[in-house]
């Protein structure tokens, strides 16, 4: 079940992060400076999937059982959920309507006589070069 709904990876410091996109939360487990302790941090996932800074954290001894560590994780996730609910940060933005910007007007460039003259001169020069090359080959 954990592998189907959660993403587990290592962060830069070597700790383990579990992302739960379906509830917009993350939790990380990392070693502390002392031996035998683990730092547990929990936070929210922002729009676009980026992680927000931790909202709650605690330090637990590794000697405590799996049940106590799981209870601490659940408590931190619950604290994160209540903190998000009180600040109103849980409102989804994917369904909100956005106002459209007015379309930009197409800018048409006015090409004057000078640009047409340049094109005509270049075309004439290319024609003269082609005729000269043809005449040189036909004359030999």
N, C-alpha and C. Protein backbone atom coordinates (compact mmCIF):
# COMPACT_ATOMS: atom_id res chain seq x y z
N UNK A 1 0.83 -1.19 0.00
CA UNK A 1 0.00 0.00 0.00
C UNK A 1 0.87 1.26 0.00
N UNK A 2 1.97 1.26 0.75
CA UNK A 2 2.84 2.43 0.81
C UNK A 2 3.41 2.76 -0.56
N UNK A 3 3.78 1.75 -1.31
CA UNK A 3 4.44 1.99 -2.59
C UNK A 3 3.46 2.42 -3.67
N UNK A 4 2.17 2.18 -3.49
CA UNK A 4 1.20 2.55 -4.51
C UNK A 4 0.78 4.02 -4.41
N UNK A 5 0.69 4.56 -3.23
CA UNK A 5 0.20 5.93 -3.06
C UNK A 5 1.27 6.92 -2.65
N UNK A 6 2.48 6.47 -2.39
CA UNK A 6 3.52 7.34 -1.87
C UNK A 6 4.78 7.24 -2.72
N UNK A 7 5.55 8.30 -2.69
CA UNK A 7 6.85 8.33 -3.34
C UNK A 7 7.91 8.40 -2.25
N UNK A 8 8.86 7.48 -2.29
CA UNK A 8 9.91 7.43 -1.28
C UNK A 8 11.23 7.72 -1.97
N UNK A 9 12.02 8.66 -1.43
CA UNK A 9 13.31 8.98 -2.00
C UNK A 9 14.24 9.52 -0.92
N UNK A 10 15.51 9.69 -1.27
CA UNK A 10 16.49 10.26 -0.35
C UNK A 10 16.66 11.74 -0.67
N UNK A 11 16.81 12.53 0.38
CA UNK A 11 17.07 13.95 0.15
C UNK A 11 18.57 14.20 0.10
N UNK A 12 18.97 15.46 -0.03
CA UNK A 12 20.39 15.80 -0.18
C UNK A 12 21.22 15.45 1.05
N UNK A 13 20.61 15.47 2.21
CA UNK A 13 21.36 15.20 3.44
C UNK A 13 21.45 13.72 3.75
N UNK A 14 20.81 12.89 2.95
CA UNK A 14 20.86 11.45 3.19
C UNK A 14 19.66 10.91 3.93
N UNK A 15 18.74 11.76 4.30
CA UNK A 15 17.54 11.32 4.98
C UNK A 15 16.53 10.73 4.00
N UNK A 16 15.49 10.14 4.53
CA UNK A 16 14.45 9.53 3.70
C UNK A 16 13.21 10.42 3.72
N UNK A 17 12.63 10.64 2.55
CA UNK A 17 11.43 11.47 2.42
C UNK A 17 10.31 10.61 1.84
N UNK A 18 9.13 10.72 2.43
CA UNK A 18 7.95 10.04 1.92
C UNK A 18 6.96 11.13 1.52
N UNK A 19 6.61 11.15 0.23
CA UNK A 19 5.65 12.13 -0.30
C UNK A 19 4.31 11.46 -0.49
N UNK A 20 3.27 12.09 -0.01
CA UNK A 20 1.90 11.60 -0.20
C UNK A 20 1.15 12.66 -1.00
N UNK A 21 1.19 12.54 -2.31
CA UNK A 21 0.56 13.54 -3.18
C UNK A 21 -0.95 13.57 -3.02
N UNK A 22 -1.55 12.45 -2.67
CA UNK A 22 -3.01 12.41 -2.56
C UNK A 22 -3.53 13.18 -1.35
N UNK A 23 -2.68 13.43 -0.35
CA UNK A 23 -3.10 14.24 0.80
C UNK A 23 -2.28 15.52 0.92
N UNK A 24 -1.41 15.77 -0.06
CA UNK A 24 -0.60 16.99 -0.13
C UNK A 24 0.29 17.16 1.11
N UNK A 25 0.96 16.09 1.52
CA UNK A 25 1.85 16.13 2.69
C UNK A 25 3.15 15.39 2.38
N UNK A 26 4.18 15.72 3.14
CA UNK A 26 5.43 14.97 3.09
C UNK A 26 5.93 14.79 4.50
N UNK A 27 6.75 13.77 4.70
CA UNK A 27 7.37 13.51 6.00
C UNK A 27 8.78 13.01 5.73
N UNK A 28 9.73 13.43 6.56
CA UNK A 28 11.11 12.99 6.36
C UNK A 28 11.68 12.46 7.66
N UNK A 29 12.56 11.50 7.50
CA UNK A 29 13.27 10.90 8.63
C UNK A 29 14.76 11.07 8.35
N UNK A 30 15.47 11.69 9.28
CA UNK A 30 16.90 11.93 9.09
C UNK A 30 17.62 11.71 10.41
N UNK A 31 18.87 11.33 10.30
CA UNK A 31 19.65 11.14 11.52
C UNK A 31 20.02 12.51 12.09
N UNK A 32 20.16 12.57 13.40
CA UNK A 32 20.55 13.82 14.06
C UNK A 32 22.04 13.77 14.33
N UNK A 33 22.55 14.81 14.98
CA UNK A 33 23.96 14.85 15.30
C UNK A 33 24.39 13.80 16.31
N UNK A 34 23.47 13.35 17.14
CA UNK A 34 23.80 12.34 18.14
C UNK A 34 23.39 10.97 17.64
N UNK A 35 24.03 9.97 18.18
CA UNK A 35 23.70 8.59 17.78
C UNK A 35 22.42 8.14 18.46
N UNK A 36 21.68 7.34 17.75
CA UNK A 36 20.50 6.74 18.35
C UNK A 36 19.26 7.61 18.33
N UNK A 37 19.30 8.72 17.60
CA UNK A 37 18.12 9.58 17.51
C UNK A 37 17.80 9.85 16.05
N UNK A 38 16.53 10.08 15.78
CA UNK A 38 16.08 10.38 14.43
C UNK A 38 15.24 11.66 14.46
N UNK A 39 15.47 12.52 13.49
CA UNK A 39 14.71 13.76 13.36
C UNK A 39 13.56 13.49 12.39
N UNK A 40 12.34 13.70 12.85
CA UNK A 40 11.15 13.50 12.03
C UNK A 40 10.55 14.87 11.75
N UNK A 41 10.38 15.18 10.47
CA UNK A 41 9.82 16.47 10.06
C UNK A 41 8.64 16.22 9.13
N UNK A 42 7.65 17.10 9.17
CA UNK A 42 6.47 16.97 8.30
C UNK A 42 6.11 18.34 7.75
N UNK A 43 5.58 18.34 6.53
CA UNK A 43 5.18 19.59 5.89
C UNK A 43 4.17 19.35 4.79
N UNK A 44 3.85 20.43 4.08
CA UNK A 44 2.85 20.38 3.01
C UNK A 44 3.52 20.33 1.65
N UNK A 45 2.76 19.87 0.65
CA UNK A 45 3.18 19.97 -0.74
C UNK A 45 2.44 21.14 -1.36
N UNK A 46 3.16 22.02 -2.00
CA UNK A 46 2.56 23.19 -2.62
C UNK A 46 2.05 22.86 -4.02
N UNK A 47 1.36 23.81 -4.63
CA UNK A 47 0.90 23.63 -6.00
C UNK A 47 2.12 23.42 -6.88
N UNK A 48 2.03 22.48 -7.78
CA UNK A 48 3.16 22.17 -8.65
C UNK A 48 4.05 21.09 -8.08
N UNK A 49 3.81 20.64 -6.86
CA UNK A 49 4.56 19.53 -6.29
C UNK A 49 5.79 19.91 -5.49
N UNK A 50 6.09 21.19 -5.33
CA UNK A 50 7.25 21.56 -4.53
C UNK A 50 6.91 21.42 -3.05
N UNK A 51 7.93 21.17 -2.26
CA UNK A 51 7.72 20.97 -0.83
C UNK A 51 7.86 22.29 -0.09
N UNK A 52 6.94 22.53 0.80
CA UNK A 52 7.01 23.71 1.67
C UNK A 52 7.91 23.37 2.85
N UNK A 53 8.44 24.37 3.54
CA UNK A 53 9.24 24.10 4.72
C UNK A 53 8.44 23.32 5.76
N UNK A 54 9.16 22.63 6.62
CA UNK A 54 8.51 21.79 7.62
C UNK A 54 7.65 22.62 8.55
N UNK A 55 6.47 22.13 8.83
CA UNK A 55 5.55 22.79 9.77
C UNK A 55 5.69 22.23 11.17
N UNK A 56 6.15 20.99 11.27
CA UNK A 56 6.28 20.35 12.58
C UNK A 56 7.47 19.41 12.54
N UNK A 57 8.16 19.29 13.66
CA UNK A 57 9.28 18.35 13.74
C UNK A 57 9.46 17.90 15.18
N UNK A 58 10.09 16.74 15.31
CA UNK A 58 10.37 16.18 16.62
C UNK A 58 11.58 15.27 16.51
N UNK A 59 12.22 15.01 17.63
CA UNK A 59 13.35 14.09 17.70
C UNK A 59 12.92 12.90 18.53
N UNK A 60 13.11 11.70 17.99
CA UNK A 60 12.72 10.47 18.68
C UNK A 60 13.94 9.57 18.81
N UNK A 61 14.04 8.85 19.93
CA UNK A 61 15.13 7.87 20.04
C UNK A 61 14.82 6.65 19.18
N UNK A 62 15.86 6.11 18.54
CA UNK A 62 15.67 4.92 17.71
C UNK A 62 15.36 3.69 18.56
N UNK A 63 15.67 3.76 19.84
CA UNK A 63 15.38 2.62 20.71
C UNK A 63 13.89 2.45 20.95
N UNK A 64 13.11 3.49 20.69
CA UNK A 64 11.66 3.36 20.84
C UNK A 64 11.15 2.42 19.75
N UNK A 65 10.04 1.83 19.99
CA UNK A 65 9.51 0.82 19.07
C UNK A 65 8.93 1.43 17.81
N UNK A 66 8.60 0.54 16.89
CA UNK A 66 8.02 0.96 15.62
C UNK A 66 6.67 1.65 15.84
N UNK A 67 5.92 1.17 16.80
CA UNK A 67 4.61 1.77 17.09
C UNK A 67 4.74 3.20 17.56
N UNK A 68 5.74 3.46 18.42
CA UNK A 68 5.93 4.83 18.90
C UNK A 68 6.39 5.76 17.78
N UNK A 69 7.28 5.27 16.92
CA UNK A 69 7.72 6.08 15.78
C UNK A 69 6.56 6.37 14.83
N UNK A 70 5.73 5.37 14.59
CA UNK A 70 4.56 5.56 13.71
C UNK A 70 3.58 6.55 14.34
N UNK A 71 3.40 6.46 15.65
CA UNK A 71 2.49 7.40 16.33
C UNK A 71 3.03 8.83 16.23
N UNK A 72 4.34 8.99 16.36
CA UNK A 72 4.94 10.33 16.23
C UNK A 72 4.75 10.87 14.82
N UNK A 73 4.90 10.00 13.82
CA UNK A 73 4.69 10.43 12.43
C UNK A 73 3.24 10.83 12.20
N UNK A 74 2.30 10.05 12.70
CA UNK A 74 0.89 10.39 12.55
C UNK A 74 0.55 11.70 13.25
N UNK A 75 1.14 11.91 14.43
CA UNK A 75 0.89 13.14 15.18
C UNK A 75 1.42 14.36 14.41
N UNK A 76 2.62 14.24 13.83
CA UNK A 76 3.18 15.35 13.06
C UNK A 76 2.34 15.65 11.81
N UNK A 77 1.89 14.60 11.14
CA UNK A 77 1.05 14.81 9.96
C UNK A 77 -0.28 15.44 10.33
N UNK A 78 -0.83 15.04 11.48
CA UNK A 78 -2.08 15.65 11.94
C UNK A 78 -1.86 17.12 12.30
N UNK A 79 -0.73 17.43 12.95
CA UNK A 79 -0.42 18.82 13.28
C UNK A 79 -0.27 19.66 12.01
N UNK A 80 0.35 19.09 10.99
CA UNK A 80 0.51 19.79 9.72
C UNK A 80 -0.84 20.03 9.06
N UNK A 81 -1.73 19.04 9.15
CA UNK A 81 -3.06 19.19 8.55
C UNK A 81 -3.87 20.26 9.27
N UNK A 82 -3.80 20.30 10.59
CA UNK A 82 -4.56 21.31 11.33
C UNK A 82 -3.98 22.70 11.10
N UNK A 83 -2.66 22.80 11.00
CA UNK A 83 -2.04 24.10 10.74
C UNK A 83 -2.44 24.61 9.36
N UNK A 84 -2.52 23.71 8.38
CA UNK A 84 -2.92 24.13 7.03
C UNK A 84 -4.39 24.51 6.99
N UNK A 85 -5.22 23.82 7.78
CA UNK A 85 -6.65 24.12 7.78
C UNK A 85 -6.93 25.46 8.46
N UNK A 86 -6.17 25.81 9.49
CA UNK A 86 -6.41 27.07 10.18
C UNK A 86 -5.93 28.27 9.37
N UNK A 87 -4.90 28.08 8.54
CA UNK A 87 -4.42 29.18 7.72
C UNK A 87 -5.13 29.27 6.39
N UNK A 88 -5.95 28.27 6.08
CA UNK A 88 -6.68 28.29 4.81
C UNK A 88 -5.83 27.93 3.63
N UNK A 89 -4.71 27.28 3.86
CA UNK A 89 -3.81 26.95 2.76
C UNK A 89 -4.19 25.68 2.04
N UNK A 90 -5.27 25.06 2.44
CA UNK A 90 -5.64 23.78 1.85
C UNK A 90 -6.59 23.92 0.67
N UNK A 91 -6.98 25.13 0.33
CA UNK A 91 -7.92 25.30 -0.76
C UNK A 91 -7.23 24.98 -2.08
N UNK A 92 -7.79 24.07 -2.86
CA UNK A 92 -7.16 23.72 -4.13
C UNK A 92 -7.34 24.83 -5.14
N UNK A 93 -6.33 25.02 -5.98
CA UNK A 93 -6.38 26.09 -6.95
C UNK A 93 -6.61 25.57 -8.36
N UNK A 94 -6.67 24.27 -8.51
CA UNK A 94 -6.76 23.74 -9.86
C UNK A 94 -8.10 24.03 -10.51
N UNK A 95 -9.16 24.21 -9.75
CA UNK A 95 -10.47 24.42 -10.34
C UNK A 95 -10.89 25.87 -10.42
N UNK A 96 -10.05 26.78 -9.99
CA UNK A 96 -10.44 28.18 -10.00
C UNK A 96 -10.34 28.75 -11.41
N UNK A 97 -11.25 29.65 -11.72
CA UNK A 97 -11.25 30.26 -13.05
C UNK A 97 -10.28 31.43 -13.07
N UNK A 98 -9.56 31.55 -14.15
CA UNK A 98 -8.63 32.65 -14.32
C UNK A 98 -9.15 33.56 -15.42
N UNK A 99 -8.92 34.83 -15.24
CA UNK A 99 -9.34 35.77 -16.27
C UNK A 99 -8.33 35.73 -17.40
N UNK A 100 -8.84 35.77 -18.60
CA UNK A 100 -7.97 35.74 -19.77
C UNK A 100 -7.48 37.14 -20.08
N UNK A 101 -6.27 37.20 -20.53
CA UNK A 101 -5.73 38.47 -20.99
C UNK A 101 -6.29 38.79 -22.37
N UNK A 102 -6.43 40.05 -22.67
CA UNK A 102 -6.87 40.38 -24.03
C UNK A 102 -5.80 39.98 -25.04
N UNK A 103 -6.25 39.53 -26.18
CA UNK A 103 -5.31 39.08 -27.21
C UNK A 103 -4.48 40.26 -27.71
N UNK A 104 -3.23 39.96 -28.00
CA UNK A 104 -2.36 41.01 -28.53
C UNK A 104 -2.72 41.28 -29.99
N UNK A 105 -2.63 42.53 -30.35
CA UNK A 105 -2.89 42.90 -31.74
C UNK A 105 -1.67 42.52 -32.57
N UNK A 106 -1.93 41.99 -33.74
CA UNK A 106 -0.83 41.65 -34.63
C UNK A 106 -0.27 42.93 -35.22
N UNK A 107 1.02 43.02 -35.15
CA UNK A 107 1.68 44.19 -35.70
C UNK A 107 2.14 43.84 -37.10
N UNK A 108 1.64 44.55 -38.07
CA UNK A 108 2.06 44.32 -39.45
C UNK A 108 3.11 45.36 -39.80
N UNK A 109 4.19 44.86 -40.33
CA UNK A 109 5.26 45.77 -40.73
C UNK A 109 4.93 46.34 -42.10
N UNK A 110 5.05 47.62 -42.20
CA UNK A 110 4.83 48.27 -43.48
C UNK A 110 6.16 48.29 -44.22
N UNK A 111 6.16 47.55 -45.29
CA UNK A 111 7.38 47.51 -46.09
C UNK A 111 7.28 48.58 -47.17
N UNK A 112 8.22 49.45 -47.14
CA UNK A 112 8.19 50.56 -48.09
C UNK A 112 8.89 50.23 -49.40
N UNK A 113 9.10 51.28 -50.16
CA UNK A 113 9.73 51.17 -51.47
C UNK A 113 11.17 50.71 -51.34
N UNK A 114 11.84 51.09 -50.25
CA UNK A 114 13.26 50.77 -50.11
C UNK A 114 13.49 49.26 -50.00
N UNK A 115 12.64 48.56 -49.28
CA UNK A 115 12.84 47.12 -49.16
C UNK A 115 12.54 46.42 -50.48
N UNK A 116 11.56 46.92 -51.21
CA UNK A 116 11.27 46.34 -52.53
C UNK A 116 12.42 46.60 -53.50
N UNK A 117 13.03 47.77 -53.40
CA UNK A 117 14.15 48.10 -54.26
C UNK A 117 15.34 47.20 -53.97
N UNK A 118 15.60 46.92 -52.70
CA UNK A 118 16.71 46.04 -52.33
C UNK A 118 16.47 44.64 -52.88
N UNK A 119 15.26 44.13 -52.77
CA UNK A 119 14.94 42.80 -53.29
C UNK A 119 15.11 42.77 -54.80
N UNK A 120 14.67 43.81 -55.48
CA UNK A 120 14.79 43.85 -56.94
C UNK A 120 16.25 43.89 -57.38
N UNK A 121 17.08 44.68 -56.70
CA UNK A 121 18.50 44.77 -57.04
C UNK A 121 19.19 43.43 -56.80
N UNK A 122 18.88 42.77 -55.68
CA UNK A 122 19.49 41.47 -55.40
C UNK A 122 19.05 40.42 -56.43
N UNK A 123 17.79 40.45 -56.82
CA UNK A 123 17.32 39.50 -57.83
C UNK A 123 18.00 39.77 -59.17
N UNK A 124 18.15 41.03 -59.52
CA UNK A 124 18.83 41.37 -60.78
C UNK A 124 20.29 40.95 -60.75
N UNK A 125 20.95 41.17 -59.62
CA UNK A 125 22.36 40.78 -59.51
C UNK A 125 22.51 39.27 -59.61
N UNK A 126 21.61 38.54 -58.98
CA UNK A 126 21.67 37.08 -59.07
C UNK A 126 21.44 36.62 -60.50
N UNK A 127 20.55 37.30 -61.20
CA UNK A 127 20.29 36.94 -62.60
C UNK A 127 21.51 37.22 -63.46
N UNK A 128 22.17 38.36 -63.26
CA UNK A 128 23.37 38.69 -64.02
C UNK A 128 24.50 37.71 -63.75
N UNK A 129 24.66 37.30 -62.50
CA UNK A 129 25.71 36.32 -62.17
C UNK A 129 25.40 34.99 -62.85
N UNK A 130 24.14 34.58 -62.83
CA UNK A 130 23.77 33.32 -63.47
C UNK A 130 23.99 33.39 -64.97
N UNK A 131 23.64 34.51 -65.61
CA UNK A 131 23.85 34.66 -67.06
C UNK A 131 25.33 34.69 -67.41
N UNK A 132 26.11 35.34 -66.59
CA UNK A 132 27.55 35.39 -66.85
C UNK A 132 28.17 34.01 -66.72
N UNK A 133 27.74 33.25 -65.73
CA UNK A 133 28.28 31.90 -65.56
C UNK A 133 27.85 31.01 -66.73
N UNK A 134 26.63 31.17 -67.20
CA UNK A 134 26.14 30.37 -68.32
C UNK A 134 26.88 30.73 -69.60
N UNK A 135 27.10 32.04 -69.80
CA UNK A 135 27.81 32.49 -71.00
C UNK A 135 29.25 32.03 -70.99
N UNK A 136 29.89 32.00 -69.83
CA UNK A 136 31.27 31.55 -69.75
C UNK A 136 31.37 30.07 -70.05
N UNK A 137 30.40 29.31 -69.62
CA UNK A 137 30.43 27.87 -69.88
C UNK A 137 30.07 27.58 -71.34
N UNK A 138 29.18 28.34 -71.92
CA UNK A 138 28.77 28.11 -73.31
C UNK A 138 29.84 28.60 -74.28
N UNK A 139 30.58 29.61 -73.92
CA UNK A 139 31.62 30.15 -74.77
C UNK A 139 32.85 29.26 -74.82
N UNK A 140 33.09 28.42 -73.87
CA UNK A 140 34.29 27.56 -73.85
C UNK A 140 34.07 26.33 -74.58
